Every structure is written in structure tokens, then in C-alpha cells.
PDB file of N, CA and C in Angstrom:
ATOM      1  N   MET A   1     -95.995 111.344 -39.155  1.00  0.00           N
ATOM      2  CA  MET A   1     -96.266 112.020 -40.412  1.00  0.00           C
ATOM      3  C   MET A   1     -96.177 113.531 -40.235  1.00  0.00           C
ATOM      4  N   ALA A   2     -95.716 114.196 -41.248  1.00  0.00           N
ATOM      5  CA  ALA A   2     -95.572 115.656 -41.210  1.00  0.00           C
ATOM      6  C   ALA A   2     -96.939 116.316 -41.159  1.00  0.00           C
ATOM      7  N   SER A   3     -96.998 117.445 -40.498  1.00  0.00           N
ATOM      8  CA  SER A   3     -98.243 118.205 -40.455  1.00  0.00           C
ATOM      9  C   SER A   3     -98.426 118.951 -41.773  1.00  0.00           C
ATOM     10  N   GLU A   4     -99.647 119.380 -42.014  1.00  0.00           N
ATOM     11  CA  GLU A   4     -99.941 120.115 -43.249  1.00  0.00           C
ATOM     12  C   GLU A   4     -99.987 121.611 -42.960  1.00  0.00           C
ATOM     13  N   ILE A   5     -99.709 122.378 -43.990  1.00  0.00           N
ATOM     14  CA  ILE A   5     -99.813 123.831 -43.912  1.00  0.00           C
ATOM     15  C   ILE A   5    -100.827 124.255 -44.964  1.00  0.00           C
ATOM     16  N   SER A   6    -101.695 125.176 -44.602  1.00  0.00           N
ATOM     17  CA  SER A   6    -102.729 125.629 -45.526  1.00  0.00           C
ATOM     18  C   SER A   6    -102.175 126.661 -46.504  1.00  0.00           C
ATOM     19  N   LEU A   7    -102.940 126.892 -47.545  1.00  0.00           N
ATOM     20  CA  LEU A   7    -102.579 127.905 -48.529  1.00  0.00           C
ATOM     21  C   LEU A   7    -102.450 129.260 -47.867  1.00  0.00           C
ATOM     22  N   GLU A   8    -103.386 129.597 -46.994  1.00  0.00           N
ATOM     23  CA  GLU A   8    -103.354 130.908 -46.316  1.00  0.00           C
ATOM     24  C   GLU A   8    -102.116 131.038 -45.435  1.00  0.00           C
ATOM     25  N   GLU A   9    -101.779 129.968 -44.710  1.00  0.00           N
ATOM     26  CA  GLU A   9    -100.597 130.004 -43.844  1.00  0.00           C
ATOM     27  C   GLU A   9     -99.330 130.173 -44.664  1.00  0.00           C
ATOM     28  N   LEU A  10     -99.209 129.438 -45.767  1.00  0.00           N
ATOM     29  CA  LEU A  10     -98.013 129.554 -46.592  1.00  0.00           C
ATOM     30  C   LEU A  10     -97.910 130.943 -47.198  1.00  0.00           C
ATOM     31  N   LYS A  11     -99.009 131.452 -47.706  1.00  0.00           N
ATOM     32  CA  LYS A  11     -98.987 132.801 -48.297  1.00  0.00           C
ATOM     33  C   LYS A  11     -98.552 133.838 -47.256  1.00  0.00           C
ATOM     34  N   GLN A  12     -99.047 133.717 -46.027  1.00  0.00           N
ATOM     35  CA  GLN A  12     -98.669 134.655 -44.973  1.00  0.00           C
ATOM     36  C   GLN A  12     -97.166 134.566 -44.656  1.00  0.00           C
ATOM     37  N   LYS A  13     -96.643 133.367 -44.605  1.00  0.00           N
ATOM     38  CA  LYS A  13     -95.208 133.183 -44.350  1.00  0.00           C
ATOM     39  C   LYS A  13     -94.382 133.880 -45.432  1.00  0.00           C
ATOM     40  N   ILE A  14     -94.802 133.689 -46.684  1.00  0.00           N
ATOM     41  CA  ILE A  14     -94.086 134.309 -47.795  1.00  0.00           C
ATOM     42  C   ILE A  14     -94.217 135.828 -47.733  1.00  0.00           C
ATOM     43  N   ASP A  15     -95.442 136.310 -47.493  1.00  0.00           N
ATOM     44  CA  ASP A  15     -95.678 137.766 -47.416  1.00  0.00           C
ATOM     45  C   ASP A  15     -94.870 138.402 -46.297  1.00  0.00           C
ATOM     46  N   ARG A  16     -94.690 137.704 -45.192  1.00  0.00           N
ATOM     47  CA  ARG A  16     -93.927 138.231 -44.047  1.00  0.00           C
ATOM     48  C   ARG A  16     -92.414 137.992 -44.186  1.00  0.00           C
ATOM     49  N   ALA A  17     -92.025 137.364 -45.298  1.00  0.00           N
ATOM     50  CA  ALA A  17     -90.615 137.053 -45.562  1.00  0.00           C
ATOM     51  C   ALA A  17     -89.999 136.237 -44.421  1.00  0.00           C
ATOM     52  N   GLU A  18     -90.768 135.295 -43.903  1.00  0.00           N
ATOM     53  CA  GLU A  18     -90.258 134.418 -42.855  1.00  0.00           C
ATOM     54  C   GLU A  18     -89.167 133.529 -43.447  1.00  0.00           C
ATOM     55  N   LYS A  19     -88.281 133.060 -42.596  1.00  0.00           N
ATOM     56  CA  LYS A  19     -87.184 132.218 -43.044  1.00  0.00           C
ATOM     57  C   LYS A  19     -87.612 130.751 -42.981  1.00  0.00           C
ATOM     58  N   PHE A  20     -87.657 130.114 -44.136  1.00  0.00           N
ATOM     59  CA  PHE A  20     -87.947 128.691 -44.243  1.00  0.00           C
ATOM     60  C   PHE A  20     -87.558 128.238 -45.642  1.00  0.00           C
ATOM     61  N   TYR A  21     -87.467 126.926 -45.827  1.00  0.00           N
ATOM     62  CA  TYR A  21     -87.206 126.364 -47.133  1.00  0.00           C
ATOM     63  C   TYR A  21     -88.524 125.891 -47.721  1.00  0.00           C
ATOM     64  N   LEU A  22     -88.801 126.268 -48.947  1.00  0.00           N
ATOM     65  CA  LEU A  22     -89.955 125.793 -49.685  1.00  0.00           C
ATOM     66  C   LEU A  22     -89.420 124.923 -50.813  1.00  0.00           C
ATOM     67  N   VAL A  23     -89.831 123.649 -50.806  1.00  0.00           N
ATOM     68  CA  VAL A  23     -89.242 122.673 -51.720  1.00  0.00           C
ATOM     69  C   VAL A  23     -90.289 122.105 -52.658  1.00  0.00           C
ATOM     70  N   ASP A  24     -90.071 122.273 -53.945  1.00  0.00           N
ATOM     71  CA  ASP A  24     -90.908 121.722 -54.991  1.00  0.00           C
ATOM     72  C   ASP A  24     -90.362 120.337 -55.322  1.00  0.00           C
ATOM     73  N   THR A  25     -91.150 119.297 -55.090  1.00  0.00           N
ATOM     74  CA  THR A  25     -90.677 117.927 -55.274  1.00  0.00           C
ATOM     75  C   THR A  25     -91.029 117.343 -56.640  1.00  0.00           C
ATOM     76  N   ARG A  26     -91.602 118.156 -57.520  1.00  0.00           N
ATOM     77  CA  ARG A  26     -91.968 117.664 -58.864  1.00  0.00           C
ATOM     78  C   ARG A  26     -90.720 117.487 -59.708  1.00  0.00           C
ATOM     79  N   GLU A  27     -90.893 116.858 -60.860  1.00  0.00           N
ATOM     80  CA  GLU A  27     -89.788 116.645 -61.782  1.00  0.00           C
ATOM     81  C   GLU A  27     -89.147 117.976 -62.183  1.00  0.00           C
ATOM     82  N   ARG A  28     -87.871 117.954 -62.521  1.00  0.00           N
ATOM     83  CA  ARG A  28     -87.112 119.153 -62.903  1.00  0.00           C
ATOM     84  C   ARG A  28     -87.814 119.939 -64.016  1.00  0.00           C
ATOM     85  N   GLU A  29     -88.326 119.236 -65.027  1.00  0.00           N
ATOM     86  CA  GLU A  29     -88.992 119.906 -66.145  1.00  0.00           C
ATOM     87  C   GLU A  29     -90.249 120.641 -65.677  1.00  0.00           C
ATOM     88  N   GLN A  30     -90.976 120.040 -64.767  1.00  0.00           N
ATOM     89  CA  GLN A  30     -92.182 120.691 -64.236  1.00  0.00           C
ATOM     90  C   GLN A  30     -91.800 121.935 -63.448  1.00  0.00           C
ATOM     91  N   TYR A  31     -90.779 121.804 -62.618  1.00  0.00           N
ATOM     92  CA  TYR A  31     -90.291 122.940 -61.835  1.00  0.00           C
ATOM     93  C   TYR A  31     -89.846 124.081 -62.744  1.00  0.00           C
ATOM     94  N   GLU A  32     -89.095 123.743 -63.778  1.00  0.00           N
ATOM     95  CA  GLU A  32     -88.593 124.766 -64.689  1.00  0.00           C
ATOM     96  C   GLU A  32     -89.732 125.452 -65.445  1.00  0.00           C
ATOM     97  N   HIS A  33     -90.805 124.717 -65.697  1.00  0.00           N
ATOM     98  CA  HIS A  33     -91.959 125.308 -66.380  1.00  0.00           C
ATOM     99  C   HIS A  33     -92.610 126.356 -65.495  1.00  0.00           C
ATOM    100  N   ASN A  34     -92.909 125.996 -64.244  1.00  0.00           N
ATOM    101  CA  ASN A  34     -93.463 126.953 -63.300  1.00  0.00           C
ATOM    102  C   ASN A  34     -93.362 126.415 -61.885  1.00  0.00           C
ATOM    103  N   HIS A  35     -93.242 127.321 -60.928  1.00  0.00           N
ATOM    104  CA  HIS A  35     -93.149 126.953 -59.528  1.00  0.00           C
ATOM    105  C   HIS A  35     -93.481 128.171 -58.672  1.00  0.00           C
ATOM    106  N   ILE A  36     -93.755 127.916 -57.415  1.00  0.00           N
ATOM    107  CA  ILE A  36     -93.967 129.026 -56.475  1.00  0.00           C
ATOM    108  C   ILE A  36     -92.640 129.777 -56.402  1.00  0.00           C
ATOM    109  N   ALA A  37     -92.700 131.079 -56.475  1.00  0.00           N
ATOM    110  CA  ALA A  37     -91.493 131.898 -56.680  1.00  0.00           C
ATOM    111  C   ALA A  37     -90.376 131.636 -55.678  1.00  0.00           C
ATOM    112  N   GLU A  38     -90.674 131.345 -54.458  1.00  0.00           N
ATOM    113  CA  GLU A  38     -89.645 131.173 -53.444  1.00  0.00           C
ATOM    114  C   GLU A  38     -89.121 129.748 -53.360  1.00  0.00           C
ATOM    115  N   ALA A  39     -89.621 128.855 -54.192  1.00  0.00           N
ATOM    116  CA  ALA A  39     -89.311 127.416 -54.062  1.00  0.00           C
ATOM    117  C   ALA A  39     -87.964 127.029 -54.657  1.00  0.00           C
ATOM    118  N   LEU A  40     -87.395 126.015 -54.033  1.00  0.00           N
ATOM    119  CA  LEU A  40     -86.207 125.339 -54.559  1.00  0.00           C
ATOM    120  C   LEU A  40     -86.685 124.090 -55.277  1.00  0.00           C
ATOM    121  N   GLY A  41     -86.080 123.761 -56.390  1.00  0.00           N
ATOM    122  CA  GLY A  41     -86.425 122.539 -57.103  1.00  0.00           C
ATOM    123  C   GLY A  41     -85.599 121.369 -56.603  1.00  0.00           C
ATOM    124  N   LEU A  42     -86.249 120.415 -55.973  1.00  0.00           N
ATOM    125  CA  LEU A  42     -85.572 119.230 -55.454  1.00  0.00           C
ATOM    126  C   LEU A  42     -86.494 118.035 -55.700  1.00  0.00           C
ATOM    127  N   ALA A  43     -86.424 117.497 -56.887  1.00  0.00           N
ATOM    128  CA  ALA A  43     -87.338 116.433 -57.325  1.00  0.00           C
ATOM    129  C   ALA A  43     -87.204 115.192 -56.466  1.00  0.00           C
ATOM    130  N   TRP A  44     -88.376 114.642 -56.087  1.00  0.00           N
ATOM    131  CA  TRP A  44     -88.365 113.378 -55.353  1.00  0.00           C
ATOM    132  C   TRP A  44     -87.912 112.277 -56.297  1.00  0.00           C
ATOM    133  N   GLY A  45     -86.969 111.469 -55.850  1.00  0.00           N
ATOM    134  CA  GLY A  45     -86.468 110.371 -56.659  1.00  0.00           C
ATOM    135  C   GLY A  45     -85.160 109.890 -56.088  1.00  0.00           C
ATOM    136  N   SER A  46     -84.426 109.160 -56.893  1.00  0.00           N
ATOM    137  CA  SER A  46     -83.202 108.500 -56.426  1.00  0.00           C
ATOM    138  C   SER A  46     -82.113 109.488 -55.976  1.00  0.00           C
ATOM    139  N   ASP A  47     -82.080 110.694 -56.509  1.00  0.00           N
ATOM    140  CA  ASP A  47     -81.051 111.670 -56.127  1.00  0.00           C
ATOM    141  C   ASP A  47     -81.486 112.563 -54.977  1.00  0.00           C
ATOM    142  N   PHE A  48     -82.713 112.418 -54.508  1.00  0.00           N
ATOM    143  CA  PHE A  48     -83.228 113.308 -53.467  1.00  0.00           C
ATOM    144  C   PHE A  48     -82.329 113.294 -52.237  1.00  0.00           C
ATOM    145  N   GLU A  49     -81.960 112.114 -51.783  1.00  0.00           N
ATOM    146  CA  GLU A  49     -81.165 112.000 -50.559  1.00  0.00           C
ATOM    147  C   GLU A  49     -79.837 112.736 -50.682  1.00  0.00           C
ATOM    148  N   LYS A  50     -79.129 112.525 -51.790  1.00  0.00           N
ATOM    149  CA  LYS A  50     -77.827 113.167 -51.974  1.00  0.00           C
ATOM    150  C   LYS A  50     -77.966 114.681 -52.061  1.00  0.00           C
ATOM    151  N   GLN A  51     -78.984 115.141 -52.775  1.00  0.00           N
ATOM    152  CA  GLN A  51     -79.168 116.577 -52.951  1.00  0.00           C
ATOM    153  C   GLN A  51     -79.693 117.257 -51.688  1.00  0.00           C
ATOM    154  N   ALA A  52     -80.564 116.589 -50.967  1.00  0.00           N
ATOM    155  CA  ALA A  52     -81.181 117.189 -49.769  1.00  0.00           C
ATOM    156  C   ALA A  52     -80.130 117.614 -48.745  1.00  0.00           C
ATOM    157  N   VAL A  53     -79.119 116.792 -48.556  1.00  0.00           N
ATOM    158  CA  VAL A  53     -78.082 117.095 -47.581  1.00  0.00           C
ATOM    159  C   VAL A  53     -77.372 118.394 -47.903  1.00  0.00           C
ATOM    160  N   HIS A  54     -77.179 118.673 -49.188  1.00  0.00           N
ATOM    161  CA  HIS A  54     -76.474 119.894 -49.605  1.00  0.00           C
ATOM    162  C   HIS A  54     -77.400 121.101 -49.676  1.00  0.00           C
ATOM    163  N   ILE A  55     -78.603 120.878 -50.183  1.00  0.00           N
ATOM    164  CA  ILE A  55     -79.531 121.997 -50.362  1.00  0.00           C
ATOM    165  C   ILE A  55     -80.198 122.386 -49.050  1.00  0.00           C
ATOM    166  N   LEU A  56     -80.385 121.404 -48.151  1.00  0.00           N
ATOM    167  CA  LEU A  56     -81.054 121.641 -46.871  1.00  0.00           C
ATOM    168  C   LEU A  56     -80.125 121.228 -45.723  1.00  0.00           C
ATOM    169  N   PRO A  57     -79.061 121.988 -45.495  1.00  0.00           N
ATOM    170  CA  PRO A  57     -78.071 121.561 -44.492  1.00  0.00           C
ATOM    171  C   PRO A  57     -78.541 121.698 -43.037  1.00  0.00           C
ATOM    172  N   ASP A  58     -79.478 122.583 -42.763  1.00  0.00           N
ATOM    173  CA  ASP A  58     -79.924 122.853 -41.397  1.00  0.00           C
ATOM    174  C   ASP A  58     -81.113 121.971 -41.045  1.00  0.00           C
ATOM    175  N   LYS A  59     -80.891 120.952 -40.244  1.00  0.00           N
ATOM    176  CA  LYS A  59     -81.961 120.024 -39.888  1.00  0.00           C
ATOM    177  C   LYS A  59     -82.969 120.617 -38.912  1.00  0.00           C
ATOM    178  N   ASP A  60     -82.667 121.787 -38.351  1.00  0.00           N
ATOM    179  CA  ASP A  60     -83.602 122.478 -37.462  1.00  0.00           C
ATOM    180  C   ASP A  60     -84.436 123.533 -38.177  1.00  0.00           C
ATOM    181  N   ALA A  61     -84.149 123.771 -39.451  1.00  0.00           N
ATOM    182  CA  ALA A  61     -84.888 124.785 -40.208  1.00  0.00           C
ATOM    183  C   ALA A  61     -86.276 124.278 -40.568  1.00  0.00           C
ATOM    184  N   GLU A  62     -87.200 125.216 -40.730  1.00  0.00           N
ATOM    185  CA  GLU A  62     -88.542 124.831 -41.186  1.00  0.00           C
ATOM    186  C   GLU A  62     -88.467 124.531 -42.690  1.00  0.00           C
ATOM    187  N   ILE A  63     -89.042 123.384 -43.068  1.00  0.00           N
ATOM    188  CA  ILE A  63     -89.049 122.966 -44.462  1.00  0.00           C
ATOM    189  C   ILE A  63     -90.484 122.643 -44.857  1.00  0.00           C
ATOM    190  N   ILE A  64     -90.938 123.252 -45.936  1.00  0.00           N
ATOM    191  CA  ILE A  64     -92.280 122.999 -46.453  1.00  0.00           C
ATOM    192  C   ILE A  64     -92.127 122.400 -47.843  1.00  0.00           C
ATOM    193  N   VAL A  65     -92.706 121.213 -48.035  1.00  0.00           N
ATOM    194  CA  VAL A  65     -92.589 120.519 -49.322  1.00  0.00           C
ATOM    195  C   VAL A  65     -93.936 120.503 -50.024  1.00  0.00           C
ATOM    196  N   TYR A  66     -93.886 120.536 -51.347  1.00  0.00           N
ATOM    197  CA  TYR A  66     -95.120 120.425 -52.118  1.00  0.00           C
ATOM    198  C   TYR A  66     -94.877 119.694 -53.428  1.00  0.00           C
ATOM    199  N   GLY A  67     -95.976 119.161 -53.966  1.00  0.00           N
ATOM    200  CA  GLY A  67     -95.963 118.524 -55.272  1.00  0.00           C
ATOM    201  C   GLY A  67     -97.018 119.178 -56.129  1.00  0.00           C
ATOM    202  N   ALA A  68     -97.698 118.378 -56.942  1.00  0.00           N
ATOM    203  CA  ALA A  68     -98.695 118.917 -57.855  1.00  0.00           C
ATOM    204  C   ALA A  68    -100.001 119.266 -57.141  1.00  0.00           C
ATOM    205  N   ASN A  69    -100.518 118.315 -56.327  1.00  0.00           N
ATOM    206  CA  ASN A  69    -101.804 118.520 -55.651  1.00  0.00           C
ATOM    207  C   ASN A  69    -101.957 117.497 -54.538  1.00  0.00           C
ATOM    208  N   GLU A  70    -103.186 117.377 -53.993  1.00  0.00           N
ATOM    209  CA  GLU A  70    -103.432 116.464 -52.882  1.00  0.00           C
ATOM    210  C   GLU A  70    -103.166 115.007 -53.230  1.00  0.00           C
ATOM    211  N   LEU A  71    -103.285 114.650 -54.490  1.00  0.00           N
ATOM    212  CA  LEU A  71    -103.096 113.265 -54.914  1.00  0.00           C
ATOM    213  C   LEU A  71    -101.624 112.914 -55.142  1.00  0.00           C
ATOM    214  N   CYS A  72    -100.783 113.892 -55.202  1.00  0.00           N
ATOM    215  CA  CYS A  72     -99.364 113.693 -55.473  1.00  0.00           C
ATOM    216  C   CYS A  72     -98.671 113.119 -54.242  1.00  0.00           C
ATOM    217  N   GLU A  73     -98.007 111.994 -54.429  1.00  0.00           N
ATOM    218  CA  GLU A  73     -97.322 111.329 -53.315  1.00  0.00           C
ATOM    219  C   GLU A  73     -95.895 111.839 -53.104  1.00  0.00           C
ATOM    220  N   ARG A  74     -95.383 112.617 -54.030  1.00  0.00           N
ATOM    221  CA  ARG A  74     -93.997 113.082 -53.937  1.00  0.00           C
ATOM    222  C   ARG A  74     -93.719 113.863 -52.650  1.00  0.00           C
ATOM    223  N   ALA A  75     -94.576 114.818 -52.347  1.00  0.00           N
ATOM    224  CA  ALA A  75     -94.369 115.639 -51.157  1.00  0.00           C
ATOM    225  C   ALA A  75     -94.429 114.795 -49.894  1.00  0.00           C
ATOM    226  N   LYS A  76     -95.375 113.860 -49.837  1.00  0.00           N
ATOM    227  CA  LYS A  76     -95.499 113.004 -48.658  1.00  0.00           C
ATOM    228  C   LYS A  76     -94.253 112.146 -48.486  1.00  0.00           C
ATOM    229  N   LYS A  77     -93.763 111.573 -49.569  1.00  0.00           N
ATOM    230  CA  LYS A  77     -92.573 110.727 -49.494  1.00  0.00           C
ATOM    231  C   LYS A  77     -91.345 111.547 -49.123  1.00  0.00           C
ATOM    232  N   ALA A  78     -91.233 112.733 -49.686  1.00  0.00           N
ATOM    233  CA  ALA A  78     -90.100 113.604 -49.364  1.00  0.00           C
ATOM    234  C   ALA A  78     -90.141 114.009 -47.891  1.00  0.00           C
ATOM    235  N   ALA A  79     -91.334 114.346 -47.398  1.00  0.00           N
ATOM    236  CA  ALA A  79     -91.478 114.731 -45.984  1.00  0.00           C
ATOM    237  C   ALA A  79     -91.114 113.566 -45.071  1.00  0.00           C
ATOM    238  N   GLU A  80     -91.569 112.372 -45.405  1.00  0.00           N
ATOM    239  CA  GLU A  80     -91.242 111.184 -44.605  1.00  0.00           C
ATOM    240  C   GLU A  80     -89.733 110.944 -44.597  1.00  0.00           C
ATOM    241  N   PHE A  81     -89.125 111.085 -45.766  1.00  0.00           N
ATOM    242  CA  PHE A  81     -87.668 110.902 -45.858  1.00  0.00           C
ATOM    243  C   PHE A  81     -86.952 111.914 -44.960  1.00  0.00           C
ATOM    244  N   LEU A  82     -87.313 113.177 -45.096  1.00  0.00           N
ATOM    245  CA  LEU A  82     -86.644 114.221 -44.317  1.00  0.00           C
ATOM    246  C   LEU A  82     -86.798 113.971 -42.830  1.00  0.00           C
ATOM    247  N   GLN A  83     -88.004 113.638 -42.402  1.00  0.00           N
ATOM    248  CA  GLN A  83     -88.210 113.377 -40.976  1.00  0.00           C
ATOM    249  C   GLN A  83     -87.385 112.180 -40.513  1.00  0.00           C
ATOM    250  N   SER A  84     -87.325 111.154 -41.325  1.00  0.00           N
ATOM    251  CA  SER A  84     -86.579 109.959 -40.926  1.00  0.00           C
ATOM    252  C   SER A  84     -85.070 110.201 -40.899  1.00  0.00           C
ATOM    253  N   HIS A  85     -84.635 111.318 -41.493  1.00  0.00           N
ATOM    254  CA  HIS A  85     -83.221 111.678 -41.500  1.00  0.00           C
ATOM    255  C   HIS A  85     -82.901 112.863 -40.595  1.00  0.00           C
ATOM    256  N   GLY A  86     -83.783 113.101 -39.619  1.00  0.00           N
ATOM    257  CA  GLY A  86     -83.486 114.066 -38.570  1.00  0.00           C
ATOM    258  C   GLY A  86     -83.971 115.482 -38.761  1.00  0.00           C
ATOM    259  N   TYR A  87     -84.678 115.759 -39.846  1.00  0.00           N
ATOM    260  CA  TYR A  87     -85.245 117.108 -40.011  1.00  0.00           C
ATOM    261  C   TYR A  87     -86.477 117.189 -39.123  1.00  0.00           C
ATOM    262  N   VAL A  88     -86.558 118.226 -38.300  1.00  0.00           N
ATOM    263  CA  VAL A  88     -87.573 118.243 -37.245  1.00  0.00           C
ATOM    264  C   VAL A  88     -88.786 119.141 -37.525  1.00  0.00           C
ATOM    265  N   LYS A  89     -88.685 120.057 -38.459  1.00  0.00           N
ATOM    266  CA  LYS A  89     -89.780 120.983 -38.728  1.00  0.00           C
ATOM    267  C   LYS A  89     -90.241 120.866 -40.186  1.00  0.00           C
ATOM    268  N   VAL A  90     -90.782 119.733 -40.530  1.00  0.00           N
ATOM    269  CA  VAL A  90     -91.197 119.467 -41.893  1.00  0.00           C
ATOM    270  C   VAL A  90     -92.718 119.561 -41.996  1.00  0.00           C
ATOM    271  N   LYS A  91     -93.190 120.296 -43.000  1.00  0.00           N
ATOM    272  CA  LYS A  91     -94.622 120.420 -43.255  1.00  0.00           C
ATOM    273  C   LYS A  91     -94.895 120.121 -44.728  1.00  0.00           C
ATOM    274  N   ILE A  92     -96.133 119.740 -44.990  1.00  0.00           N
ATOM    275  CA  ILE A  92     -96.563 119.456 -46.362  1.00  0.00           C
ATOM    276  C   ILE A  92     -97.611 120.498 -46.776  1.00  0.00           C
ATOM    277  N   PHE A  93     -97.366 121.118 -47.910  1.00  0.00           N
ATOM    278  CA  PHE A  93     -98.355 121.997 -48.536  1.00  0.00           C
ATOM    279  C   PHE A  93     -99.132 121.112 -49.505  1.00  0.00           C
ATOM    280  N   SER A  94    -100.194 120.482 -48.993  1.00  0.00           N
ATOM    281  CA  SER A  94    -100.843 119.387 -49.720  1.00  0.00           C
ATOM    282  C   SER A  94    -101.587 119.797 -50.978  1.00  0.00           C
ATOM    283  N   VAL A  95    -102.105 121.015 -51.059  1.00  0.00           N
ATOM    284  CA  VAL A  95    -102.827 121.405 -52.289  1.00  0.00           C
ATOM    285  C   VAL A  95    -101.854 121.667 -53.422  1.00  0.00           C
ATOM    286  N   GLY A  96    -100.605 121.791 -53.107  1.00  0.00           N
ATOM    287  CA  GLY A  96     -99.548 121.907 -54.103  1.00  0.00           C
ATOM    288  C   GLY A  96     -99.664 123.072 -55.050  1.00  0.00           C
ATOM    289  N   ILE A  97     -98.926 122.952 -56.124  1.00  0.00           N
ATOM    290  CA  ILE A  97     -98.886 124.060 -57.079  1.00  0.00           C
ATOM    291  C   ILE A  97    -100.230 124.293 -57.753  1.00  0.00           C
ATOM    292  N   LEU A  98    -101.018 123.240 -57.948  1.00  0.00           N
ATOM    293  CA  LEU A  98    -102.323 123.442 -58.585  1.00  0.00           C
ATOM    294  C   LEU A  98    -103.246 124.264 -57.693  1.00  0.00           C
ATOM    295  N   GLY A  99    -103.220 124.010 -56.393  1.00  0.00           N
ATOM    296  CA  GLY A  99    -103.998 124.827 -55.462  1.00  0.00           C
ATOM    297  C   GLY A  99    -103.530 126.268 -55.445  1.00  0.00           C
ATOM    298  N   TRP A 100    -102.222 126.463 -55.500  1.00  0.00           N
ATOM    299  CA  TRP A 100    -101.617 127.808 -55.534  1.00  0.00           C
ATOM    300  C   TRP A 100    -102.071 128.533 -56.800  1.00  0.00           C
ATOM    301  N   MET A 101    -102.026 127.829 -57.939  1.00  0.00           N
ATOM    302  CA  MET A 101    -102.442 128.424 -59.201  1.00  0.00           C
ATOM    303  C   MET A 101    -103.932 128.759 -59.198  1.00  0.00           C
ATOM    304  N   GLU A 102    -104.754 127.850 -58.692  1.00  0.00           N
ATOM    305  CA  GLU A 102    -106.201 128.079 -58.640  1.00  0.00           C
ATOM    306  C   GLU A 102    -106.542 129.309 -57.810  1.00  0.00           C
ATOM    307  N   ALA A 103    -105.705 129.600 -56.806  1.00  0.00           N
ATOM    308  CA  ALA A 103    -105.926 130.781 -55.972  1.00  0.00           C
ATOM    309  C   ALA A 103    -105.421 132.055 -56.665  1.00  0.00           C
ATOM    310  N   GLY A 104    -104.799 131.900 -57.835  1.00  0.00           N
ATOM    311  CA  GLY A 104    -104.322 133.068 -58.580  1.00  0.00           C
ATOM    312  C   GLY A 104    -103.073 133.703 -58.005  1.00  0.00           C
ATOM    313  N   LEU A 105    -102.283 132.902 -57.293  1.00  0.00           N
ATOM    314  CA  LEU A 105    -101.097 133.458 -56.648  1.00  0.00           C
ATOM    315  C   LEU A 105     -99.888 133.410 -57.563  1.00  0.00           C
ATOM    316  N   ARG A 106     -98.864 134.167 -57.194  1.00  0.00           N
ATOM    317  CA  ARG A 106     -97.697 134.413 -58.032  1.00  0.00           C
ATOM    318  C   ARG A 106     -96.860 133.149 -58.265  1.00  0.00           C
ATOM    319  N   LEU A 107     -96.485 132.964 -59.524  1.00  0.00           N
ATOM    320  CA  LEU A 107     -95.597 131.885 -59.921  1.00  0.00           C
ATOM    321  C   LEU A 107     -94.348 132.462 -60.562  1.00  0.00           C
ATOM    322  N   GLU A 108     -93.334 131.654 -60.630  1.00  0.00           N
ATOM    323  CA  GLU A 108     -92.115 132.027 -61.353  1.00  0.00           C
ATOM    324  C   GLU A 108     -91.919 130.980 -62.449  1.00  0.00           C
ATOM    325  N   PHE A 109     -91.348 131.408 -63.551  1.00  0.00           N
ATOM    326  CA  PHE A 109     -91.179 130.537 -64.715  1.00  0.00           C
ATOM    327  C   PHE A 109     -89.707 130.471 -65.107  1.00  0.00           C
ATOM    328  N   GLY A 110     -89.225 129.247 -65.339  1.00  0.00           N
ATOM    329  CA  GLY A 110     -87.929 129.039 -65.945  1.00  0.00           C
ATOM    330  C   GLY A 110     -86.691 129.140 -65.101  1.00  0.00           C
ATOM    331  N   ARG A 111     -86.792 129.435 -63.820  1.00  0.00           N
ATOM    332  CA  ARG A 111     -85.579 129.559 -62.996  1.00  0.00           C
ATOM    333  C   ARG A 111     -85.169 128.196 -62.454  1.00  0.00           C
ATOM    334  N   GLU A 112     -83.883 127.927 -62.448  1.00  0.00           N
ATOM    335  CA  GLU A 112     -83.370 126.706 -61.839  1.00  0.00           C
ATOM    336  C   GLU A 112     -82.902 127.033 -60.432  1.00  0.00           C
ATOM    337  N   SER A 113     -82.978 126.027 -59.548  1.00  0.00           N
ATOM    338  CA  SER A 113     -82.515 126.243 -58.165  1.00  0.00           C
ATOM    339  C   SER A 113     -81.017 126.056 -58.074  1.00  0.00           C
TER     340      SER A 113
END
């Protein structure tokens, strides 16, 4: 199973402009409504596999996935899929966008990936 990354750790990575992929696994409409500013929209579902190969070509890159919150299974399933397909540095931001919002951190609205 993928390890988890805390809100503080993710914020520090973003603040330091570290190189990694941040993937929002919620539905496209949810992503378009709001998302963490650096995130790519890659909804968990039947097209995830086809899209992941193109959007995340580097299997050695650090990838952090998130969904709505701790109860959301999308990020866990996406992380499991990525790991089973050879991605080696996958983490889950388990508090998801709701935790990010509760902390009052920056969101972006309406951008497509």
C-alpha cells in the first residue's frame, strides 16, 4: 500500500516548488469546480489506465494522489493501480481536498488539466 503524506508535508513540497505530480482523482466536474492549484485532473474510473500512461509517463517520478477526504476510496484505488503498474513513488494525501480547504489553503477554480 502507498504511504501517506500529511498536509504539512504536501504544503512544504508545493512551497519549495519541488518536482512531483499531484493528481486529483475526483470526477471531472468536481475538479473543474475546485482543486489544489498544482493538481492534474485524472478521475478514477474506467479511463484512468489509458490516461495515466500519457499524463504520468515517468514511472520513477513522485506521484501524490488525493480525493475528497479520508473516506474517499478513489485515491487509494488510484494509488494501488499505479503501484501495480510499476510506479514506484506513489503517496496518498488522505485528508484530500476537504482537509486542504479546512486548512484555508489556496485552491484553483475552473482550470482543466
